[in-house]
């Protein structure tokens, strides 16, 4: 069985354009894992933009994935013109209820870190999700511009949560 791991700043505008830092380099996440520069080599867009790592809840697409000296920078769009759920998620981001990004990946190369966690040298990136609490505290949405959109996003997240509990 292959384990899918979840890790990840995010900004969204009224049109659904979204940007963020999916993984900042230089510090470990809450589990002690640190992903090194170069680990995302081969990551290519498009990539699914999911809500809360739910494979059955795609709300957009990441159109650009770039490894920078600071970390993994991403930009894409929520499909707000086509999906009511995407409008809900946008509202949640705008309201500040959802501020994080988290990456879903499979580890290709890693070593144990002293004190716990791993130093991860290579991954296969499979998705990036909007989340309330990211594994890496530095993985956040970088902007939100509209209160109306935030409300719509919050409503979308509430509907998604209700579906998950059903």
Protein backbone atom coordinates (compact mmCIF):
# COMPACT_ATOMS: atom_id res chain seq x y z
CA UNK A 1 0.00 0.00 0.00
CA UNK A 2 1.34 3.43 -0.96
CA UNK A 3 0.84 6.10 1.69
CA UNK A 4 -0.27 9.52 0.53
CA UNK A 5 1.19 12.18 2.79
CA UNK A 6 -0.37 15.58 3.43
CA UNK A 7 1.69 18.78 4.07
CA UNK A 8 1.69 22.89 2.96
CA UNK A 9 0.16 30.21 2.18
CA UNK A 10 -2.90 31.01 0.04
CA UNK A 11 -4.53 34.05 -1.55
CA UNK A 12 -7.73 34.19 -3.59
CA UNK A 13 -9.52 36.96 -5.49
CA UNK A 14 -13.12 37.41 -6.63
CA UNK A 15 -12.53 35.64 -9.94
CA UNK A 16 -11.22 32.56 -8.14
CA UNK A 17 -7.54 33.19 -8.93
CA UNK A 18 -5.54 31.75 -6.06
CA UNK A 19 -1.88 31.83 -5.08
CA UNK A 20 0.09 30.52 -2.17
CA UNK A 21 3.15 28.88 -0.70
CA UNK A 22 2.40 25.17 -0.61
CA UNK A 23 5.61 24.24 1.21
CA UNK A 24 8.12 26.66 2.75
CA UNK A 25 11.73 25.46 2.87
CA UNK A 26 13.99 25.70 5.88
CA UNK A 27 11.79 24.48 8.73
CA UNK A 28 10.07 21.23 9.60
CA UNK A 29 6.32 20.74 9.77
CA UNK A 30 4.35 19.81 12.89
CA UNK A 31 5.40 16.15 12.54
CA UNK A 32 9.09 17.00 12.26
CA UNK A 33 9.33 16.41 8.50
CA UNK A 34 11.42 18.81 6.42
CA UNK A 35 11.26 18.76 2.64
CA UNK A 36 14.47 19.93 1.01
CA UNK A 37 14.90 22.18 -2.03
CA UNK A 38 14.94 20.05 -5.15
CA UNK A 39 12.49 17.51 -3.72
CA UNK A 40 9.70 18.75 -6.00
CA UNK A 41 11.71 18.28 -9.18
CA UNK A 42 9.36 16.96 -11.80
CA UNK A 43 6.19 18.42 -10.24
CA UNK A 44 4.07 19.71 -13.09
CA UNK A 45 0.81 21.52 -13.58
CA UNK A 46 -2.02 21.04 -13.95
CA UNK A 47 -2.58 19.51 -10.54
CA UNK A 48 -5.86 19.03 -8.65
CA UNK A 49 -6.89 21.77 -6.21
CA UNK A 50 -8.87 19.87 -3.60
CA UNK A 51 -10.85 20.92 -0.56
CA UNK A 52 -9.46 19.30 2.60
CA UNK A 53 -7.58 16.45 0.83
CA UNK A 54 -10.87 14.92 -0.30
CA UNK A 55 -10.30 13.29 -3.69
CA UNK A 56 -14.05 13.50 -4.29
CA UNK A 57 -14.06 17.28 -3.70
CA UNK A 58 -12.03 18.98 -6.45
CA UNK A 59 -12.76 22.72 -6.50
CA UNK A 60 -10.17 23.97 -8.96
CA UNK A 61 -6.84 23.45 -10.64
CA UNK A 62 -3.27 24.50 -9.89
CA UNK A 63 -1.94 25.93 -13.15
CA UNK A 64 1.58 26.85 -12.03
CA UNK A 65 3.88 25.00 -9.64
CA UNK A 66 7.30 26.54 -9.12
CA UNK A 67 10.07 25.66 -6.72
CA UNK A 68 11.64 28.94 -5.54
CA UNK A 69 14.43 29.53 -3.01
CA UNK A 70 11.69 30.12 -0.40
CA UNK A 71 9.61 27.06 -1.18
CA UNK A 72 6.95 25.61 -3.46
CA UNK A 73 4.94 28.52 -4.91
CA UNK A 74 1.63 27.72 -6.61
CA UNK A 75 -1.05 29.57 -8.52
CA UNK A 76 -4.28 28.41 -10.02
CA UNK A 77 -7.99 29.00 -9.95
CA UNK A 78 -11.06 27.94 -8.08
CA UNK A 79 -13.79 27.07 -10.58
CA UNK A 80 -16.18 29.66 -9.13
CA UNK A 81 -18.13 30.12 -12.38
CA UNK A 82 -18.80 26.41 -12.71
CA UNK A 83 -18.97 24.88 -9.23
CA UNK A 84 -21.06 26.09 -6.28
CA UNK A 85 -18.63 24.27 -4.00
CA UNK A 86 -15.73 26.33 -5.37
CA UNK A 87 -17.64 29.51 -4.49
CA UNK A 88 -18.11 28.18 -0.97
CA UNK A 89 -14.44 27.38 -0.59
CA UNK A 90 -13.49 30.83 -1.91
CA UNK A 91 -15.74 32.38 0.76
CA UNK A 92 -14.02 30.35 3.46
CA UNK A 93 -10.63 31.57 2.31
CA UNK A 94 -11.80 35.18 2.10
CA UNK A 95 -13.31 35.01 5.59
CA UNK A 96 -10.12 33.64 7.09
CA UNK A 97 -11.74 30.34 8.09
CA UNK A 98 -9.44 28.50 5.69
CA UNK A 99 -5.94 29.92 5.49
CA UNK A 100 -3.69 26.98 4.79
CA UNK A 101 -2.39 24.85 1.99
CA UNK A 102 -1.39 21.25 2.37
CA UNK A 103 0.34 19.04 -0.13
CA UNK A 104 -0.51 15.43 -0.89
CA UNK A 105 2.54 13.45 -1.96
CA UNK A 106 4.28 10.11 -2.01
CA UNK A 107 7.78 10.01 -0.58
CA UNK A 108 10.45 8.84 -3.00
CA UNK A 109 13.56 9.48 -0.88
CA UNK A 110 13.87 10.32 2.83
CA UNK A 111 16.03 9.80 5.89
CA UNK A 112 15.15 9.84 9.58
CA UNK A 113 15.82 13.15 11.37
CA UNK A 114 17.47 13.31 14.74
CA UNK A 115 14.70 13.97 17.27
CA UNK A 116 11.93 12.64 15.02
CA UNK A 117 10.49 13.23 11.61
CA UNK A 118 12.25 12.88 8.28
CA UNK A 119 14.42 14.84 5.90
CA UNK A 120 12.64 14.34 2.60
CA UNK A 121 14.77 14.61 -0.53
CA UNK A 122 12.31 13.60 -3.27
CA UNK A 123 8.53 13.39 -3.57
CA UNK A 124 5.87 12.73 -6.15
CA UNK A 125 3.39 15.58 -5.74
CA UNK A 126 -0.18 14.42 -6.45
CA UNK A 127 -2.44 17.23 -5.15
CA UNK A 128 -2.54 20.45 -3.15
CA UNK A 129 -5.48 21.17 -0.87
CA UNK A 130 -6.99 24.14 0.88
CA UNK A 131 -7.16 23.34 4.59
CA UNK A 132 -7.99 24.96 7.91
CA UNK A 133 -4.88 23.69 9.70
CA UNK A 134 -1.90 22.87 7.48
CA UNK A 135 0.78 20.39 8.54
CA UNK A 136 3.38 23.11 7.99
CA UNK A 137 2.50 26.33 9.85
CA UNK A 138 4.12 28.38 7.07
CA UNK A 139 1.94 26.92 4.30
CA UNK A 140 -0.73 29.57 3.84
CA UNK A 141 -3.00 31.36 1.44
CA UNK A 142 -1.31 34.64 0.61
CA UNK A 143 -4.33 36.86 -0.09
CA UNK A 144 -8.09 37.17 0.14
CA UNK A 145 -9.84 40.21 -1.28
CA UNK A 146 -13.61 39.98 -0.92
CA UNK A 147 -15.90 39.49 2.05
CA UNK A 148 -18.67 38.33 -0.27
CA UNK A 149 -16.41 35.64 -1.62
CA UNK A 150 -15.37 34.66 1.88
CA UNK A 151 -18.98 34.10 2.85
CA UNK A 152 -19.56 32.00 -0.23
CA UNK A 153 -16.47 29.96 0.57
CA UNK A 154 -17.60 29.42 4.15
CA UNK A 155 -20.97 28.21 2.92
CA UNK A 156 -19.24 25.82 0.54
CA UNK A 157 -17.07 24.40 3.29
CA UNK A 158 -20.10 23.96 5.53
CA UNK A 159 -21.88 22.03 2.77
CA UNK A 160 -18.80 19.89 2.18
CA UNK A 161 -18.49 19.15 5.87
CA UNK A 162 -22.13 18.12 6.01
CA UNK A 163 -21.58 15.78 3.02
CA UNK A 164 -18.57 14.22 4.69
CA UNK A 165 -20.53 13.52 7.86
CA UNK A 166 -23.47 12.06 5.97
